[in-house]
Amino acid sequence: MTDTLTARALAFRQLHADPGCFVIPNPWDAGSARLLARMGFKALASTGAGHAFSCGLTDGAVGREGMMAHLGEMPAATYLPLSADLENGFGAAPETVANTLRLAATTGIVGGSIEDSSGDRAEPLYPLALATERIRAAVEAARDLPFPFTLTARAENYFIGQPDLADTIRRLQAYQEAGADVLFAPGLRTREDIAAVVSSVDRPVNVLMGMEGVTLTVADLEALGVKRISVGGSFARAAYGAFLRAAKEVQEKGSFGYADEAISGRDITRLLRKPPG
């Protein structure tokens, strides 16, 4: 098991060292992970939001125990390196964040992200000093693992509706100094903001796409110096959007035209059976 983890972990690290950028899509269950792997992507990252939706819950409502069970199912579905959405570490204390990372590392993942959102509406972001200490604790836990775990630190300013570029950069720089391997500010929407973040740090930067109204392409983001592109829960939302449109058609029109756009059972079976690589 350790040899397999090490091989996946080193392959994941190499993707961040290679020239250009890569897309790391976000499956929400074992089936979507296997399909994405068969399509030729080089790495995958879980989505906390997408998984929560699949459980009939809202984003953030799964809890640590449920998330660990979910992560335990994912690596077996694919040969690809898998990074995990570890949300805010499931607790404010640095020790809790470190323990969450240690638990997650036993599931077969080779990377993970920790965000600085607190879940407190009155103070939605952890104070910078605490947020930085949380990342430092995660880094120390990651370095004690028997394989090279890739830790991503997230600054959530834009995602929580507080688009403060200066504070976002200040936070990412602090997380870089704390030892994070990859930096991520989900919610950046413009070339200017993305370029400012990329030019302000010297670690690989992940950018979230799949947001309504944002038309930047992989080529655009690569030109801006972005290393990694994720899609968060947007693939899951796209799937559920098609599902709900189909259900609405049946309910309101009594017709079944949605089947014309659905993938056939034969095609999805062929894709699932496709040899990896």
Protein backbone atom coordinates (compact mmCIF):
# COMPACT_ATOMS: atom_id res chain seq x y z
CA MET A 1 0.00 0.00 0.00
CA THR A 2 2.77 2.44 0.92
CA ASP A 3 4.57 1.79 -2.38
CA THR A 4 1.37 2.52 -4.30
CA LEU A 5 0.75 5.69 -2.32
CA THR A 6 4.31 6.84 -2.86
CA ALA A 7 4.07 6.25 -6.59
CA ARG A 8 0.80 8.20 -6.80
CA ALA A 9 2.15 10.93 -4.55
CA LEU A 10 5.30 11.36 -6.66
CA ALA A 11 3.24 11.42 -9.86
CA PHE A 12 1.06 14.15 -8.32
CA ARG A 13 4.10 16.18 -7.32
CA GLN A 14 5.53 15.81 -10.84
CA LEU A 15 2.38 17.28 -12.36
CA HIS A 16 3.02 20.43 -10.36
CA ALA A 17 6.65 20.54 -11.50
CA ASP A 18 6.01 19.91 -15.20
CA PRO A 19 5.67 22.86 -17.61
CA GLY A 20 2.25 24.32 -18.26
CA CYS A 21 -0.94 23.76 -16.29
CA PHE A 22 -3.25 20.81 -15.80
CA VAL A 23 -6.93 20.31 -15.03
CA ILE A 24 -7.79 18.37 -11.89
CA PRO A 25 -11.53 17.66 -12.14
CA ASN A 26 -13.67 16.94 -9.10
CA PRO A 27 -15.64 13.67 -8.93
CA TRP A 28 -18.24 13.32 -6.22
CA ASP A 29 -18.40 9.53 -5.96
CA ALA A 30 -16.59 6.39 -7.08
CA GLY A 31 -18.47 6.19 -10.37
CA SER A 32 -17.69 9.73 -11.45
CA ALA A 33 -14.06 9.21 -10.38
CA ARG A 34 -13.74 6.11 -12.54
CA LEU A 35 -15.34 7.81 -15.54
CA LEU A 36 -13.04 10.84 -15.29
CA ALA A 37 -10.01 8.58 -15.00
CA ARG A 38 -11.05 6.66 -18.11
CA MET A 39 -11.34 9.96 -19.99
CA GLY A 40 -7.63 10.60 -19.60
CA PHE A 41 -7.29 13.17 -16.83
CA LYS A 42 -4.02 12.94 -14.91
CA ALA A 43 -5.25 13.50 -11.34
CA LEU A 44 -8.52 13.98 -9.48
CA ALA A 45 -9.70 15.95 -6.47
CA SER A 46 -12.77 15.23 -4.38
CA THR A 47 -15.50 17.82 -3.91
CA GLY A 48 -17.05 18.25 -0.50
CA ALA A 49 -20.06 20.05 -2.00
CA GLY A 50 -20.68 17.42 -4.67
CA HIS A 51 -20.43 14.59 -2.16
CA ALA A 52 -22.79 16.38 0.22
CA PHE A 53 -25.37 16.76 -2.56
CA SER A 54 -25.12 13.03 -3.30
CA CYS A 55 -25.95 12.37 0.36
CA GLY A 56 -28.96 14.68 0.27
CA LEU A 57 -27.12 17.25 2.39
CA THR A 58 -25.91 20.81 1.93
CA ASP A 59 -22.26 21.72 1.49
CA GLY A 60 -20.37 21.35 4.76
CA ALA A 61 -22.98 19.17 6.44
CA VAL A 62 -21.31 15.77 5.99
CA GLY A 63 -18.93 16.00 8.94
CA ARG A 64 -15.51 14.46 9.40
CA GLU A 65 -16.59 10.87 9.97
CA GLY A 66 -18.76 10.87 6.86
CA MET A 67 -16.03 12.52 4.82
CA MET A 68 -13.44 9.95 5.87
CA ALA A 69 -15.79 7.13 4.86
CA HIS A 70 -16.30 8.79 1.49
CA LEU A 71 -12.57 9.26 0.94
CA GLY A 72 -11.99 5.63 1.82
CA GLU A 73 -14.07 4.59 -1.20
CA MET A 74 -12.53 6.95 -3.74
CA PRO A 75 -8.91 5.77 -4.26
CA ALA A 76 -10.03 2.21 -5.02
CA ALA A 77 -12.09 3.53 -7.94
CA THR A 78 -9.12 4.94 -9.82
CA TYR A 79 -5.41 4.46 -10.34
CA LEU A 80 -4.93 8.25 -10.49
CA PRO A 81 -3.49 10.45 -7.74
CA LEU A 82 -6.37 11.76 -5.65
CA SER A 83 -6.42 14.96 -3.64
CA ALA A 84 -9.17 15.63 -1.11
CA ASP A 85 -11.33 18.55 -0.14
CA LEU A 86 -10.75 18.53 3.61
CA GLU A 87 -12.89 21.64 4.07
CA ASN A 88 -11.66 23.68 7.05
CA GLY A 89 -10.14 20.65 8.75
CA PHE A 90 -13.38 20.06 10.69
CA GLY A 91 -12.39 22.28 13.60
CA ALA A 92 -10.73 25.54 14.51
CA ALA A 93 -7.79 24.24 16.53
CA PRO A 94 -4.51 23.56 14.69
CA GLU A 95 -4.33 20.18 16.41
CA THR A 96 -7.74 19.24 14.98
CA VAL A 97 -6.63 20.19 11.49
CA ALA A 98 -3.47 18.11 11.85
CA ASN A 99 -5.46 15.12 13.07
CA THR A 100 -7.89 15.45 10.17
CA LEU A 101 -5.00 15.34 7.74
CA ARG A 102 -3.53 12.25 9.42
CA LEU A 103 -6.89 10.49 9.25
CA ALA A 104 -7.37 11.45 5.60
CA ALA A 105 -3.91 10.20 4.70
CA THR A 106 -4.93 6.68 5.77
CA THR A 107 -7.65 6.55 3.09
CA GLY A 108 -5.32 6.47 0.07
CA ILE A 109 -5.34 10.14 -0.90
CA VAL A 110 -2.01 11.81 -1.69
CA GLY A 111 -3.00 15.45 -1.27
CA GLY A 112 -5.59 17.65 0.32
CA SER A 113 -6.74 21.21 0.86
CA ILE A 114 -7.44 23.15 4.03
CA GLU A 115 -9.53 26.32 3.86
CA ASP A 116 -9.56 29.31 6.19
CA SER A 117 -13.34 29.77 6.39
CA SER A 118 -14.69 29.32 9.90
CA GLY A 119 -18.36 28.62 9.23
CA ASP A 120 -19.19 31.50 11.61
CA ARG A 121 -21.39 34.09 9.91
CA ALA A 122 -20.21 36.80 12.27
CA GLU A 123 -16.53 36.10 11.51
CA PRO A 124 -16.45 33.92 8.40
CA LEU A 125 -12.65 33.83 8.09
CA TYR A 126 -10.25 32.70 10.79
CA PRO A 127 -7.94 35.52 11.93
CA LEU A 128 -4.75 35.43 9.90
CA ALA A 129 -2.52 34.35 12.79
CA LEU A 130 -4.76 31.38 13.62
CA ALA A 131 -5.33 30.54 9.96
CA THR A 132 -1.58 30.44 9.39
CA GLU A 133 -0.98 28.29 12.47
CA ARG A 134 -3.61 25.87 11.20
CA ILE A 135 -1.76 25.52 7.89
CA ARG A 136 1.54 25.11 9.71
CA ALA A 137 0.07 22.29 11.80
CA ALA A 138 -1.21 20.59 8.65
CA VAL A 139 2.21 20.95 7.01
CA GLU A 140 3.93 19.36 10.00
CA ALA A 141 1.47 16.46 9.96
CA ALA A 142 1.96 16.01 6.22
CA ARG A 143 5.75 15.95 6.54
CA ASP A 144 5.52 13.12 9.06
CA LEU A 145 3.73 10.85 6.60
CA PRO A 146 5.60 8.01 4.85
CA PHE A 147 4.86 9.51 1.42
CA PRO A 148 5.09 13.06 -0.03
CA PHE A 149 1.65 14.53 0.68
CA THR A 150 0.79 17.68 -1.33
CA LEU A 151 -0.93 20.25 0.88
CA THR A 152 -3.06 23.00 -0.65
CA ALA A 153 -3.91 26.07 1.43
CA ARG A 154 -7.07 27.97 0.53
CA ALA A 155 -7.90 31.65 1.09
CA GLU A 156 -11.69 31.84 1.02
CA ASN A 157 -12.23 35.64 0.80
CA TYR A 158 -13.88 35.59 -2.61
CA PHE A 159 -15.80 32.38 -2.00
CA ILE A 160 -17.55 33.76 1.08
CA GLY A 161 -18.45 37.05 -0.59
CA GLN A 162 -15.62 39.23 0.75
CA PRO A 163 -13.57 39.87 -2.43
CA ASP A 164 -10.58 41.56 -0.82
CA LEU A 165 -7.63 40.95 -3.14
CA ALA A 166 -5.05 42.48 -0.80
CA ASP A 167 -6.13 40.27 2.10
CA THR A 168 -6.31 37.23 -0.18
CA ILE A 169 -2.71 37.78 -1.25
CA ARG A 170 -1.60 38.47 2.31
CA ARG A 171 -3.16 35.20 3.45
CA LEU A 172 -1.71 33.14 0.61
CA GLN A 173 1.75 34.56 1.25
CA ALA A 174 1.44 33.65 4.92
CA TYR A 175 0.36 30.12 4.02
CA GLN A 176 3.30 29.86 1.64
CA GLU A 177 5.65 30.80 4.46
CA ALA A 178 3.94 28.19 6.65
CA GLY A 179 4.95 25.54 4.14
CA ALA A 180 1.91 24.93 1.91
CA ASP A 181 2.78 23.23 -1.38
CA VAL A 182 -0.04 24.74 -3.46
CA LEU A 183 -2.04 27.96 -3.00
CA PHE A 184 -5.70 28.40 -3.88
CA ALA A 185 -8.14 31.31 -3.73
CA PRO A 186 -11.46 29.97 -5.03
CA GLY A 187 -13.79 32.52 -6.56
CA LEU A 188 -11.28 34.62 -8.53
CA ARG A 189 -13.10 35.62 -11.72
CA THR A 190 -10.93 38.08 -13.65
CA ARG A 191 -7.62 37.91 -15.45
CA GLU A 192 -6.36 40.82 -13.39
CA ASP A 193 -7.08 39.24 -10.01
CA ILE A 194 -5.69 35.87 -11.07
CA ALA A 195 -2.53 37.46 -12.48
CA ALA A 196 -2.06 39.46 -9.27
CA VAL A 197 -2.25 36.32 -7.14
CA VAL A 198 0.07 34.30 -9.36
CA SER A 199 2.68 37.07 -9.42
CA SER A 200 2.55 37.52 -5.63
CA VAL A 201 3.58 33.98 -4.64
CA ASP A 202 6.20 31.46 -5.69
CA ARG A 203 4.19 28.26 -5.23
CA PRO A 204 1.86 26.58 -7.75
CA VAL A 205 -1.53 28.29 -7.86
CA ASN A 206 -4.84 26.46 -8.25
CA VAL A 207 -7.75 28.34 -9.80
CA LEU A 208 -11.41 27.32 -9.67
CA MET A 209 -13.43 27.35 -12.88
CA GLY A 210 -16.98 26.25 -13.66
CA MET A 211 -18.51 29.49 -12.37
CA GLU A 212 -21.43 31.08 -14.18
CA GLY A 213 -20.38 33.97 -16.39
CA VAL A 214 -16.64 33.22 -16.29
CA THR A 215 -15.38 32.44 -19.81
CA LEU A 216 -11.65 31.98 -19.20
CA THR A 217 -10.22 28.89 -20.91
CA VAL A 218 -7.44 26.50 -19.99
CA ALA A 219 -5.20 28.30 -22.48
CA ASP A 220 -6.06 31.67 -20.92
CA LEU A 221 -5.22 30.45 -17.43
CA GLU A 222 -2.01 28.81 -18.54
CA ALA A 223 -0.93 32.10 -20.10
CA LEU A 224 -1.55 33.78 -16.73
CA GLY A 225 0.79 31.33 -15.00
CA VAL A 226 -1.84 29.15 -13.32
CA LYS A 227 -0.55 25.66 -12.59
CA ARG A 228 -3.72 23.77 -11.68
CA ILE A 229 -7.41 24.19 -12.57
CA SER A 230 -10.22 22.56 -10.59
CA VAL A 231 -13.98 22.71 -11.09
CA GLY A 232 -15.24 22.20 -7.54
CA GLY A 233 -18.84 21.04 -7.32
CA SER A 234 -19.74 22.28 -10.81
CA PHE A 235 -19.56 18.86 -12.49
CA ALA A 236 -21.88 17.47 -9.81
CA ARG A 237 -24.19 20.46 -10.21
CA ALA A 238 -24.19 19.97 -13.98
CA ALA A 239 -25.20 16.34 -13.51
CA TYR A 240 -27.92 17.21 -11.01
CA GLY A 241 -29.09 20.03 -13.25
CA ALA A 242 -29.68 17.56 -16.09
CA PHE A 243 -31.37 15.17 -13.66
CA LEU A 244 -33.75 17.85 -12.35
CA ARG A 245 -34.55 19.11 -15.85
CA ALA A 246 -35.43 15.55 -16.84
CA ALA A 247 -37.63 15.09 -13.78
CA LYS A 248 -39.32 18.44 -14.39
CA GLU A 249 -40.05 17.49 -18.00
CA VAL A 250 -41.76 14.26 -16.92
CA GLN A 251 -43.64 15.95 -14.09
CA GLU A 252 -44.83 19.02 -15.98
CA LYS A 253 -45.06 17.85 -19.61
CA GLY A 254 -45.50 14.13 -19.28
CA SER A 255 -42.82 13.62 -21.93
CA PHE A 256 -39.45 11.89 -21.94
CA GLY A 257 -37.36 13.87 -24.40
CA TYR A 258 -34.50 14.07 -21.92
CA ALA A 259 -33.50 10.56 -22.99
CA ASP A 260 -32.28 11.93 -26.32
CA GLU A 261 -29.42 13.70 -24.54
CA ALA A 262 -28.63 11.02 -21.96
CA ILE A 263 -25.58 8.82 -22.42
CA SER A 264 -26.61 5.33 -23.44
CA GLY A 265 -26.15 2.39 -21.10
CA ARG A 266 -23.93 0.81 -23.72
CA ASP A 267 -21.64 3.86 -23.93
CA ILE A 268 -21.26 4.33 -20.20
CA THR A 269 -20.56 0.63 -19.78
CA ARG A 270 -17.92 0.81 -22.50
CA LEU A 271 -16.28 3.77 -20.78
CA LEU A 272 -16.30 2.09 -17.37
CA ARG A 273 -14.74 -1.03 -18.86
CA LYS A 274 -12.08 0.91 -20.76
CA PRO A 275 -8.58 -0.04 -19.58
CA PRO A 276 -6.95 2.73 -17.51
CA GLY A 277 -4.19 4.82 -18.98
